[in-house]
PDB file of all heavy atoms in Angstrom:
ATOM      1  N   PRO A   1     106.552 112.380  81.137  1.00  0.00           N
ATOM      2  CA  PRO A   1     106.199 111.780  79.848  1.00  0.00           C
ATOM      3  C   PRO A   1     105.433 110.471  80.012  1.00  0.00           C
ATOM      4  O   PRO A   1     105.791 109.624  80.841  1.00  0.00           O
ATOM      5  CB  PRO A   1     107.561 111.532  79.190  1.00  0.00           C
ATOM      6  CG  PRO A   1     108.475 112.530  79.816  1.00  0.00           C
ATOM      7  CD  PRO A   1     108.007 112.673  81.223  1.00  0.00           C
ATOM      8  N   LEU A   2     104.381 110.318  79.217  1.00  0.00           N
ATOM      9  CA  LEU A   2     103.528 109.137  79.242  1.00  0.00           C
ATOM     10  C   LEU A   2     103.478 108.512  77.860  1.00  0.00           C
ATOM     11  O   LEU A   2     103.272 109.201  76.858  1.00  0.00           O
ATOM     12  CB  LEU A   2     102.108 109.511  79.673  1.00  0.00           C
ATOM     13  CG  LEU A   2     101.006 108.470  79.409  1.00  0.00           C
ATOM     14  CD1 LEU A   2     101.214 107.223  80.277  1.00  0.00           C
ATOM     15  CD2 LEU A   2      99.614 109.062  79.631  1.00  0.00           C
ATOM     16  N   LEU A   3     103.635 107.196  77.812  1.00  0.00           N
ATOM     17  CA  LEU A   3     103.341 106.408  76.624  1.00  0.00           C
ATOM     18  C   LEU A   3     102.104 105.576  76.928  1.00  0.00           C
ATOM     19  O   LEU A   3     102.120 104.740  77.830  1.00  0.00           O
ATOM     20  CB  LEU A   3     104.522 105.504  76.256  1.00  0.00           C
ATOM     21  CG  LEU A   3     104.247 104.451  75.163  1.00  0.00           C
ATOM     22  CD1 LEU A   3     103.840 105.105  73.845  1.00  0.00           C
ATOM     23  CD2 LEU A   3     105.471 103.554  74.974  1.00  0.00           C
ATOM     24  N   LEU A   4     101.028 105.814  76.191  1.00  0.00           N
ATOM     25  CA  LEU A   4      99.764 105.103  76.361  1.00  0.00           C
ATOM     26  C   LEU A   4      99.612 104.091  75.238  1.00  0.00           C
ATOM     27  O   LEU A   4      99.769 104.429  74.059  1.00  0.00           O
ATOM     28  CB  LEU A   4      98.605 106.099  76.337  1.00  0.00           C
ATOM     29  CG  LEU A   4      97.178 105.529  76.411  1.00  0.00           C
ATOM     30  CD1 LEU A   4      96.945 104.819  77.742  1.00  0.00           C
ATOM     31  CD2 LEU A   4      96.148 106.647  76.222  1.00  0.00           C
ATOM     32  N   VAL A   5      99.296 102.833  75.588  1.00  0.00           N
ATOM     33  CA  VAL A   5      99.194 101.746  74.613  1.00  0.00           C
ATOM     34  C   VAL A   5      97.888 100.991  74.852  1.00  0.00           C
ATOM     35  O   VAL A   5      97.530 100.713  75.999  1.00  0.00           O
ATOM     36  CB  VAL A   5     100.380 100.769  74.757  1.00  0.00           C
ATOM     37  CG1 VAL A   5     100.256  99.616  73.762  1.00  0.00           C
ATOM     38  CG2 VAL A   5     101.710 101.491  74.574  1.00  0.00           C
ATOM     39  N   HIS A   6      97.176 100.659  73.761  1.00  0.00           N
ATOM     40  CA  HIS A   6      95.930  99.896  73.919  1.00  0.00           C
ATOM     41  C   HIS A   6      95.610  99.152  72.628  1.00  0.00           C
ATOM     42  O   HIS A   6      95.837  99.665  71.526  1.00  0.00           O
ATOM     43  CB  HIS A   6      94.766 100.833  74.252  1.00  0.00           C
ATOM     44  CG  HIS A   6      93.775 100.232  75.202  1.00  0.00           C
ATOM     45  ND1 HIS A   6      93.381 100.839  76.372  1.00  0.00           N
ATOM     46  CD2 HIS A   6      93.094  99.051  75.180  1.00  0.00           C
ATOM     47  CE1 HIS A   6      92.510 100.090  77.023  1.00  0.00           C
ATOM     48  NE2 HIS A   6      92.316  98.998  76.301  1.00  0.00           N
ATOM     49  N   GLY A   7      95.078  97.941  72.765  1.00  0.00           N
ATOM     50  CA  GLY A   7      94.550  97.201  71.626  1.00  0.00           C
ATOM     51  C   GLY A   7      93.193  97.747  71.236  1.00  0.00           C
ATOM     52  O   GLY A   7      92.349  98.026  72.086  1.00  0.00           O
ATOM     53  N   MET A   8      92.948  97.865  69.942  1.00  0.00           N
ATOM     54  CA  MET A   8      91.735  98.522  69.463  1.00  0.00           C
ATOM     55  C   MET A   8      90.534  97.575  69.375  1.00  0.00           C
ATOM     56  O   MET A   8      89.457  97.986  68.947  1.00  0.00           O
ATOM     57  CB  MET A   8      92.010  99.177  68.106  1.00  0.00           C
ATOM     58  CG  MET A   8      93.132 100.208  68.166  1.00  0.00           C
ATOM     59  SD  MET A   8      93.573 100.919  66.565  1.00  0.00           S
ATOM     60  CE  MET A   8      92.287 102.163  66.394  1.00  0.00           C
ATOM     61  N   ALA A   9      90.739  96.317  69.797  1.00  0.00           N
ATOM     62  CA  ALA A   9      89.622  95.368  69.862  1.00  0.00           C
ATOM     63  C   ALA A   9      89.585  94.709  71.238  1.00  0.00           C
ATOM     64  O   ALA A   9      89.108  93.580  71.377  1.00  0.00           O
ATOM     65  CB  ALA A   9      89.755  94.323  68.762  1.00  0.00           C
ATOM     66  N   ASP A  10      90.050  95.418  72.243  1.00  0.00           N
ATOM     67  CA  ASP A  10      90.095  94.891  73.608  1.00  0.00           C
ATOM     68  C   ASP A  10      88.673  94.782  74.152  1.00  0.00           C
ATOM     69  O   ASP A  10      87.962  95.779  74.249  1.00  0.00           O
ATOM     70  CB  ASP A  10      90.932  95.835  74.486  1.00  0.00           C
ATOM     71  CG  ASP A  10      91.285  95.248  75.847  1.00  0.00           C
ATOM     72  OD1 ASP A  10      90.528  94.390  76.328  1.00  0.00           O
ATOM     73  OD2 ASP A  10      92.296  95.672  76.421  1.00  0.00           O
ATOM     74  N   ASP A  11      88.258  93.552  74.521  1.00  0.00           N
ATOM     75  CA  ASP A  11      86.912  93.371  75.074  1.00  0.00           C
ATOM     76  C   ASP A  11      86.959  93.090  76.571  1.00  0.00           C
ATOM     77  O   ASP A  11      85.955  92.713  77.162  1.00  0.00           O
ATOM     78  CB  ASP A  11      86.156  92.264  74.346  1.00  0.00           C
ATOM     79  CG  ASP A  11      86.828  90.905  74.466  1.00  0.00           C
ATOM     80  OD1 ASP A  11      87.964  90.845  74.978  1.00  0.00           O
ATOM     81  OD2 ASP A  11      86.226  89.901  74.045  1.00  0.00           O
ATOM     82  N   ASN A  12      88.110  93.268  77.185  1.00  0.00           N
ATOM     83  CA  ASN A  12      88.241  93.151  78.633  1.00  0.00           C
ATOM     84  C   ASN A  12      88.310  94.552  79.233  1.00  0.00           C
ATOM     85  O   ASN A  12      87.352  95.044  79.820  1.00  0.00           O
ATOM     86  CB  ASN A  12      89.481  92.319  78.978  1.00  0.00           C
ATOM     87  CG  ASN A  12      89.699  92.166  80.463  1.00  0.00           C
ATOM     88  OD1 ASN A  12      88.929  92.658  81.274  1.00  0.00           O
ATOM     89  ND2 ASN A  12      90.767  91.503  80.847  1.00  0.00           N
ATOM     90  N   VAL A  13      89.447  95.205  79.095  1.00  0.00           N
ATOM     91  CA  VAL A  13      89.515  96.635  79.423  1.00  0.00           C
ATOM     92  C   VAL A  13      89.193  97.364  78.125  1.00  0.00           C
ATOM     93  O   VAL A  13      90.034  97.490  77.242  1.00  0.00           O
ATOM     94  CB  VAL A  13      90.906  97.030  79.955  1.00  0.00           C
ATOM     95  CG1 VAL A  13      90.958  98.527  80.245  1.00  0.00           C
ATOM     96  CG2 VAL A  13      91.246  96.251  81.219  1.00  0.00           C
ATOM     97  N   LEU A  14      87.964  97.817  78.007  1.00  0.00           N
ATOM     98  CA  LEU A  14      87.484  98.359  76.743  1.00  0.00           C
ATOM     99  C   LEU A  14      88.325  99.554  76.297  1.00  0.00           C
ATOM    100  O   LEU A  14      88.805 100.348  77.114  1.00  0.00           O
ATOM    101  CB  LEU A  14      86.015  98.767  76.864  1.00  0.00           C
ATOM    102  CG  LEU A  14      85.045  97.665  77.309  1.00  0.00           C
ATOM    103  CD1 LEU A  14      83.621  98.199  77.359  1.00  0.00           C
ATOM    104  CD2 LEU A  14      85.137  96.447  76.402  1.00  0.00           C
ATOM    105  N   PHE A  15      88.500  99.665  74.985  1.00  0.00           N
ATOM    106  CA  PHE A  15      89.297 100.748  74.398  1.00  0.00           C
ATOM    107  C   PHE A  15      88.778 102.116  74.825  1.00  0.00           C
ATOM    108  O   PHE A  15      89.511 103.106  74.853  1.00  0.00           O
ATOM    109  CB  PHE A  15      89.278 100.601  72.874  1.00  0.00           C
ATOM    110  CG  PHE A  15      90.229 101.510  72.138  1.00  0.00           C
ATOM    111  CD1 PHE A  15      91.522 101.727  72.596  1.00  0.00           C
ATOM    112  CD2 PHE A  15      89.830 102.143  70.968  1.00  0.00           C
ATOM    113  CE1 PHE A  15      92.400 102.556  71.905  1.00  0.00           C
ATOM    114  CE2 PHE A  15      90.698 102.972  70.275  1.00  0.00           C
ATOM    115  CZ  PHE A  15      91.978 103.183  70.741  1.00  0.00           C
ATOM    116  N   THR A  16      87.498 102.167  75.212  1.00  0.00           N
ATOM    117  CA  THR A  16      86.898 103.414  75.691  1.00  0.00           C
ATOM    118  C   THR A  16      87.676 104.003  76.860  1.00  0.00           C
ATOM    119  O   THR A  16      87.735 105.227  77.023  1.00  0.00           O
ATOM    120  CB  THR A  16      85.438 103.160  76.128  1.00  0.00           C
ATOM    121  OG1 THR A  16      84.751 102.475  75.094  1.00  0.00           O
ATOM    122  CG2 THR A  16      84.724 104.454  76.462  1.00  0.00           C
ATOM    123  N   ASN A  17      88.269 103.142  77.693  1.00  0.00           N
ATOM    124  CA  ASN A  17      89.080 103.646  78.800  1.00  0.00           C
ATOM    125  C   ASN A  17      90.172 104.578  78.302  1.00  0.00           C
ATOM    126  O   ASN A  17      90.434 105.626  78.907  1.00  0.00           O
ATOM    127  CB  ASN A  17      89.704 102.477  79.571  1.00  0.00           C
ATOM    128  CG  ASN A  17      88.734 101.793  80.501  1.00  0.00           C
ATOM    129  OD1 ASN A  17      88.570 102.194  81.648  1.00  0.00           O
ATOM    130  ND2 ASN A  17      88.082 100.748  80.013  1.00  0.00           N
ATOM    131  N   SER A  18      90.831 104.194  77.209  1.00  0.00           N
ATOM    132  CA  SER A  18      91.927 105.015  76.699  1.00  0.00           C
ATOM    133  C   SER A  18      91.435 106.181  75.852  1.00  0.00           C
ATOM    134  O   SER A  18      92.030 107.263  75.879  1.00  0.00           O
ATOM    135  CB  SER A  18      92.911 104.148  75.898  1.00  0.00           C
ATOM    136  OG  SER A  18      93.772 103.434  76.775  1.00  0.00           O
ATOM    137  N   THR A  19      90.352 105.990  75.081  1.00  0.00           N
ATOM    138  CA  THR A  19      89.868 107.121  74.289  1.00  0.00           C
ATOM    139  C   THR A  19      89.371 108.244  75.196  1.00  0.00           C
ATOM    140  O   THR A  19      89.563 109.428  74.915  1.00  0.00           O
ATOM    141  CB  THR A  19      88.751 106.681  73.323  1.00  0.00           C
ATOM    142  OG1 THR A  19      87.680 106.079  74.057  1.00  0.00           O
ATOM    143  CG2 THR A  19      89.285 105.698  72.300  1.00  0.00           C
ATOM    144  N   LYS A  20      88.741 107.877  76.300  1.00  0.00           N
ATOM    145  CA  LYS A  20      88.300 108.891  77.258  1.00  0.00           C
ATOM    146  C   LYS A  20      89.499 109.611  77.877  1.00  0.00           C
ATOM    147  O   LYS A  20      89.484 110.836  78.061  1.00  0.00           O
ATOM    148  CB  LYS A  20      87.441 108.244  78.342  1.00  0.00           C
ATOM    149  CG  LYS A  20      86.749 109.234  79.266  1.00  0.00           C
ATOM    150  CD  LYS A  20      85.791 108.529  80.224  1.00  0.00           C
ATOM    151  CE  LYS A  20      85.118 109.542  81.164  1.00  0.00           C
ATOM    152  NZ  LYS A  20      84.193 108.881  82.119  1.00  0.00           N
ATOM    153  N   LEU A  21      90.556 108.850  78.170  1.00  0.00           N
ATOM    154  CA  LEU A  21      91.776 109.460  78.713  1.00  0.00           C
ATOM    155  C   LEU A  21      92.422 110.393  77.694  1.00  0.00           C
ATOM    156  O   LEU A  21      92.871 111.492  78.041  1.00  0.00           O
ATOM    157  CB  LEU A  21      92.764 108.372  79.131  1.00  0.00           C
ATOM    158  CG  LEU A  21      94.119 108.859  79.646  1.00  0.00           C
ATOM    159  CD1 LEU A  21      93.960 109.692  80.911  1.00  0.00           C
ATOM    160  CD2 LEU A  21      95.065 107.676  79.893  1.00  0.00           C
ATOM    161  N   MET A  22      92.477 109.969  76.434  1.00  0.00           N
ATOM    162  CA  MET A  22      93.047 110.826  75.392  1.00  0.00           C
ATOM    163  C   MET A  22      92.348 112.177  75.370  1.00  0.00           C
ATOM    164  O   MET A  22      92.990 113.234  75.330  1.00  0.00           O
ATOM    165  CB  MET A  22      92.898 110.158  74.016  1.00  0.00           C
ATOM    166  CG  MET A  22      93.670 108.886  73.808  1.00  0.00           C
ATOM    167  SD  MET A  22      93.200 108.181  72.199  1.00  0.00           S
ATOM    168  CE  MET A  22      93.443 106.435  72.525  1.00  0.00           C
ATOM    169  N   ALA A  23      91.019 112.133  75.380  1.00  0.00           N
ATOM    170  CA  ALA A  23      90.255 113.379  75.316  1.00  0.00           C
ATOM    171  C   ALA A  23      90.516 114.254  76.540  1.00  0.00           C
ATOM    172  O   ALA A  23      90.678 115.483  76.426  1.00  0.00           O
ATOM    173  CB  ALA A  23      88.767 113.072  75.187  1.00  0.00           C
ATOM    174  N   GLU A  24      90.553 113.647  77.724  1.00  0.00           N
ATOM    175  CA  GLU A  24      90.789 114.411  78.955  1.00  0.00           C
ATOM    176  C   GLU A  24      92.165 115.077  78.930  1.00  0.00           C
ATOM    177  O   GLU A  24      92.318 116.234  79.330  1.00  0.00           O
ATOM    178  CB  GLU A  24      90.661 113.491  80.171  1.00  0.00           C
ATOM    179  CG  GLU A  24      89.251 112.998  80.448  1.00  0.00           C
ATOM    180  CD  GLU A  24      88.366 114.068  81.054  1.00  0.00           C
ATOM    181  OE1 GLU A  24      88.882 115.117  81.480  1.00  0.00           O
ATOM    182  OE2 GLU A  24      87.134 113.852  81.099  1.00  0.00           O
ATOM    183  N   LEU A  25      93.188 114.333  78.482  1.00  0.00           N
ATOM    184  CA  LEU A  25      94.534 114.906  78.418  1.00  0.00           C
ATOM    185  C   LEU A  25      94.614 115.999  77.363  1.00  0.00           C
ATOM    186  O   LEU A  25      95.264 117.042  77.562  1.00  0.00           O
ATOM    187  CB  LEU A  25      95.557 113.806  78.129  1.00  0.00           C
ATOM    188  CG  LEU A  25      95.773 112.777  79.253  1.00  0.00           C
ATOM    189  CD1 LEU A  25      96.717 111.675  78.788  1.00  0.00           C
ATOM    190  CD2 LEU A  25      96.325 113.443  80.512  1.00  0.00           C
ATOM    191  N   GLN A  26      93.956 115.795  76.239  1.00  0.00           N
ATOM    192  CA  GLN A  26      93.956 116.811  75.182  1.00  0.00           C
ATOM    193  C   GLN A  26      93.262 118.086  75.635  1.00  0.00           C
ATOM    194  O   GLN A  26      93.721 119.200  75.353  1.00  0.00           O
ATOM    195  CB  GLN A  26      93.301 116.236  73.923  1.00  0.00           C
ATOM    196  CG  GLN A  26      94.142 115.160  73.252  1.00  0.00           C
ATOM    197  CD  GLN A  26      93.343 114.259  72.330  1.00  0.00           C
ATOM    198  OE1 GLN A  26      92.119 114.403  72.201  1.00  0.00           O
ATOM    199  NE2 GLN A  26      94.010 113.315  71.693  1.00  0.00           N
ATOM    200  N   ASN A  27      92.148 117.940  76.359  1.00  0.00           N
ATOM    201  CA  ASN A  27      91.444 119.114  76.876  1.00  0.00           C
ATOM    202  C   ASN A  27      92.309 119.910  77.841  1.00  0.00           C
ATOM    203  O   ASN A  27      92.162 121.132  77.967  1.00  0.00           O
ATOM    204  CB  ASN A  27      90.155 118.689  77.585  1.00  0.00           C
ATOM    205  CG  ASN A  27      89.089 118.208  76.616  1.00  0.00           C
ATOM    206  OD1 ASN A  27      89.132 118.534  75.429  1.00  0.00           O
ATOM    207  ND2 ASN A  27      88.142 117.418  77.104  1.00  0.00           N
ATOM    208  N   ARG A  28      93.218 119.226  78.539  1.00  0.00           N
ATOM    209  CA  ARG A  28      94.117 119.897  79.480  1.00  0.00           C
ATOM    210  C   ARG A  28      95.375 120.421  78.807  1.00  0.00           C
ATOM    211  O   ARG A  28      96.203 121.069  79.453  1.00  0.00           O
ATOM    212  CB  ARG A  28      94.519 118.921  80.595  1.00  0.00           C
ATOM    213  CG  ARG A  28      93.411 118.631  81.606  1.00  0.00           C
ATOM    214  CD  ARG A  28      93.806 117.468  82.520  1.00  0.00           C
ATOM    215  NE  ARG A  28      92.945 117.364  83.693  1.00  0.00           N
ATOM    216  CZ  ARG A  28      91.757 116.829  83.713  1.00  0.00           C
ATOM    217  NH1 ARG A  28      91.250 116.338  82.586  1.00  0.00           N
ATOM    218  NH2 ARG A  28      91.041 116.780  84.827  1.00  0.00           N
ATOM    219  N   GLY A  29      95.560 120.081  77.538  1.00  0.00           N
ATOM    220  CA  GLY A  29      96.777 120.482  76.850  1.00  0.00           C
ATOM    221  C   GLY A  29      97.982 119.651  77.251  1.00  0.00           C
ATOM    222  O   GLY A  29      99.128 120.060  77.038  1.00  0.00           O
ATOM    223  N   THR A  30      97.723 118.451  77.814  1.00  0.00           N
ATOM    224  CA  THR A  30      98.808 117.581  78.263  1.00  0.00           C
ATOM    225  C   THR A  30      99.282 116.708  77.107  1.00  0.00           C
ATOM    226  O   THR A  30      98.501 115.951  76.526  1.00  0.00           O
ATOM    227  CB  THR A  30      98.334 116.680  79.421  1.00  0.00           C
ATOM    228  OG1 THR A  30      97.858 117.505  80.488  1.00  0.00           O
ATOM    229  CG2 THR A  30      99.472 115.799  79.925  1.00  0.00           C
ATOM    230  N   GLN A  31     100.559 116.810  76.768  1.00  0.00           N
ATOM    231  CA  GLN A  31     101.108 116.012  75.688  1.00  0.00           C
ATOM    232  C   GLN A  31     101.404 114.588  76.178  1.00  0.00           C
ATOM    233  O   GLN A  31     101.763 114.368  77.337  1.00  0.00           O
ATOM    234  CB  GLN A  31     102.395 116.649  75.160  1.00  0.00           C
ATOM    235  CG  GLN A  31     102.192 118.026  74.533  1.00  0.00           C
ATOM    236  CD  GLN A  31     101.302 117.985  73.303  1.00  0.00           C
ATOM    237  OE1 GLN A  31     101.385 117.045  72.492  1.00  0.00           O
ATOM    238  NE2 GLN A  31     100.451 118.993  73.139  1.00  0.00           N
ATOM    239  N   PHE A  32     101.243 113.622  75.280  1.00  0.00           N
ATOM    240  CA  PHE A  32     101.549 112.231  75.597  1.00  0.00           C
ATOM    241  C   PHE A  32     101.827 111.499  74.298  1.00  0.00           C
ATOM    242  O   PHE A  32     101.479 111.976  73.207  1.00  0.00           O
ATOM    243  CB  PHE A  32     100.400 111.568  76.353  1.00  0.00           C
ATOM    244  CG  PHE A  32      99.100 111.501  75.576  1.00  0.00           C
ATOM    245  CD1 PHE A  32      98.730 110.359  74.884  1.00  0.00           C
ATOM    246  CD2 PHE A  32      98.238 112.604  75.547  1.00  0.00           C
ATOM    247  CE1 PHE A  32      97.540 110.312  74.171  1.00  0.00           C
ATOM    248  CE2 PHE A  32      97.050 112.561  74.839  1.00  0.00           C
ATOM    249  CZ  PHE A  32      96.696 111.411  74.147  1.00  0.00           C
ATOM    250  N   GLU A  33     102.453 110.353  74.406  1.00  0.00           N
ATOM    251  CA  GLU A  33     102.701 109.501  73.249  1.00  0.00           C
ATOM    252  C   GLU A  33     101.685 108.367  73.246  1.00  0.00           C
ATOM    253  O   GLU A  33     101.238 107.916  74.310  1.00  0.00           O
ATOM    254  CB  GLU A  33     104.128 108.955  73.279  1.00  0.00           C
ATOM    255  CG  GLU A  33     105.178 110.055  73.190  1.00  0.00           C
ATOM    256  CD  GLU A  33     106.594 109.512  73.139  1.00  0.00           C
ATOM    257  OE1 GLU A  33     106.793 108.413  72.567  1.00  0.00           O
ATOM    258  OE2 GLU A  33     107.504 110.174  73.677  1.00  0.00           O
TER     259      GLU A  33
END
């Protein structure tokens, strides 16, 4: 089980890092929180 957390205005580690991960996990059918 994974809990993924990110600020939606992060200008250091851009939110794109997590949105890309969300899509990759969804394409694999991997559930996460």
